C-alpha cells in the first residue's frame, strides 16, 4: 500500500512538472538512499550488508516488473 501511494505521488509529480523517467528514478533513488542510510545508522546495521540486501530486493522486483509488462 505504501509503495503504491509513493509511486502514484511520484508519477503525479513527475507528470505535473514534466520530469523525465530518469529524473523520477533518480529522485526515488535519492530518497531510498537517505532512508536506508538513516535506518542502518539508527539500527546499527552494517551499511554495506544493508545496501547489498536492498540491491538484491531491487533487482528481483525490477526483473519481475520488466517481465510482467512484456
C-alpha atoms as a PDB file:
ATOM      1  CA  UNK A   1       0.000   0.000   0.000  1.00  0.00           C
ATOM      2  CA  UNK A   2       2.798   2.428   0.879  1.00  0.00           C
ATOM      3  CA  UNK A   3       4.717   1.562  -2.298  1.00  0.00           C
ATOM      4  CA  UNK A   4       1.610   2.185  -4.416  1.00  0.00           C
ATOM      5  CA  UNK A   5       0.971   5.542  -2.732  1.00  0.00           C
ATOM      6  CA  UNK A   6       4.591   6.650  -3.161  1.00  0.00           C
ATOM      7  CA  UNK A   7       4.570   5.507  -6.791  1.00  0.00           C
ATOM      8  CA  UNK A   8       1.352   7.396  -7.519  1.00  0.00           C
ATOM      9  CA  UNK A   9       2.641  10.560  -5.841  1.00  0.00           C
ATOM     10  CA  UNK A  10       5.955  10.337  -7.728  1.00  0.00           C
ATOM     11  CA  UNK A  11       4.184   9.738 -11.030  1.00  0.00           C
ATOM     12  CA  UNK A  12       1.756  12.620 -10.488  1.00  0.00           C
ATOM     13  CA  UNK A  13       4.570  14.986  -9.503  1.00  0.00           C
ATOM     14  CA  UNK A  14       6.683  13.931 -12.489  1.00  0.00           C
ATOM     15  CA  UNK A  15       3.733  14.497 -14.819  1.00  0.00           C
ATOM     16  CA  UNK A  16       2.844  17.870 -13.270  1.00  0.00           C
ATOM     17  CA  UNK A  17       6.428  19.102 -13.639  1.00  0.00           C
ATOM     18  CA  UNK A  18       7.138  17.325 -16.940  1.00  0.00           C
ATOM     19  CA  UNK A  19      10.029  15.386 -15.462  1.00  0.00           C
ATOM     20  CA  UNK A  20      11.687  12.533 -17.321  1.00  0.00           C
ATOM     21  CA  UNK A  21      11.619   8.927 -16.174  1.00  0.00           C
ATOM     22  CA  UNK A  22      15.321   9.243 -15.373  1.00  0.00           C
ATOM     23  CA  UNK A  23      14.622  12.225 -13.131  1.00  0.00           C
ATOM     24  CA  UNK A  24      11.886  10.345 -11.291  1.00  0.00           C
ATOM     25  CA  UNK A  25      14.088   7.259 -10.810  1.00  0.00           C
ATOM     26  CA  UNK A  26      16.940   9.487  -9.632  1.00  0.00           C
ATOM     27  CA  UNK A  27      14.730  11.209  -7.069  1.00  0.00           C
ATOM     28  CA  UNK A  28      13.380   7.909  -5.779  1.00  0.00           C
ATOM     29  CA  UNK A  29      16.940   6.529  -5.587  1.00  0.00           C
ATOM     30  CA  UNK A  30      17.999   9.564  -3.570  1.00  0.00           C
ATOM     31  CA  UNK A  31      15.074   9.017  -1.201  1.00  0.00           C
ATOM     32  CA  UNK A  32      15.817   5.291  -0.839  1.00  0.00           C
ATOM     33  CA  UNK A  33      19.484   6.007  -0.136  1.00  0.00           C
ATOM     34  CA  UNK A  34      18.635   8.545   2.545  1.00  0.00           C
ATOM     35  CA  UNK A  35      16.114   6.253   4.221  1.00  0.00           C
ATOM     36  CA  UNK A  36      18.446   3.235   4.020  1.00  0.00           C
ATOM     37  CA  UNK A  37      21.333   5.218   5.492  1.00  0.00           C
ATOM     38  CA  UNK A  38      19.173   6.505   8.335  1.00  0.00           C
ATOM     39  CA  UNK A  39      17.782   3.033   9.106  1.00  0.00           C
ATOM     40  CA  UNK A  40      21.239   1.449   9.029  1.00  0.00           C
ATOM     41  CA  UNK A  41      22.568   4.144  11.341  1.00  0.00           C
ATOM     42  CA  UNK A  42      19.652   4.014  13.801  1.00  0.00           C
ATOM     43  CA  UNK A  43      19.569   0.211  13.985  1.00  0.00           C
ATOM     44  CA  UNK A  44      23.323  -0.327  13.943  1.00  0.00           C
ATOM     45  CA  UNK A  45      23.267  -2.325  10.701  1.00  0.00           C
ATOM     46  CA  UNK A  46      26.391  -2.815   8.630  1.00  0.00           C
ATOM     47  CA  UNK A  47      25.788  -0.336   5.816  1.00  0.00           C
ATOM     48  CA  UNK A  48      27.461  -2.418   3.095  1.00  0.00           C
ATOM     49  CA  UNK A  49      25.445  -5.508   4.004  1.00  0.00           C
ATOM     50  CA  UNK A  50      22.239  -3.492   4.196  1.00  0.00           C
ATOM     51  CA  UNK A  51      22.856  -1.895   0.791  1.00  0.00           C
ATOM     52  CA  UNK A  52      23.548  -5.339  -0.707  1.00  0.00           C
ATOM     53  CA  UNK A  53      20.280  -6.625   0.779  1.00  0.00           C
ATOM     54  CA  UNK A  54      18.338  -3.680  -0.671  1.00  0.00           C
ATOM     55  CA  UNK A  55      20.062  -4.046  -4.061  1.00  0.00           C
ATOM     56  CA  UNK A  56      19.065  -7.709  -4.191  1.00  0.00           C
ATOM     57  CA  UNK A  57      15.442  -6.865  -3.453  1.00  0.00           C
ATOM     58  CA  UNK A  58      15.502  -4.057  -6.026  1.00  0.00           C
ATOM     59  CA  UNK A  59      16.927  -6.405  -8.660  1.00  0.00           C
ATOM     60  CA  UNK A  60      14.237  -9.050  -8.030  1.00  0.00           C
ATOM     61  CA  UNK A  61      11.395  -6.517  -8.132  1.00  0.00           C
ATOM     62  CA  UNK A  62      12.740  -4.802 -11.255  1.00  0.00           C
ATOM     63  CA  UNK A  63      13.166  -8.092 -13.138  1.00  0.00           C
ATOM     64  CA  UNK A  64       9.677  -9.235 -12.139  1.00  0.00           C
ATOM     65  CA  UNK A  65       8.177  -5.898 -13.222  1.00  0.00           C
ATOM     66  CA  UNK A  66      10.046  -5.929 -16.525  1.00  0.00           C
ATOM     67  CA  UNK A  67       8.788  -9.391 -17.429  1.00  0.00           C
ATOM     68  CA  UNK A  68       5.288  -8.659 -16.135  1.00  0.00           C
ATOM     69  CA  UNK A  69       4.963  -5.777 -18.571  1.00  0.00           C
ATOM     70  CA  UNK A  70       6.207  -7.633 -21.655  1.00  0.00           C
END
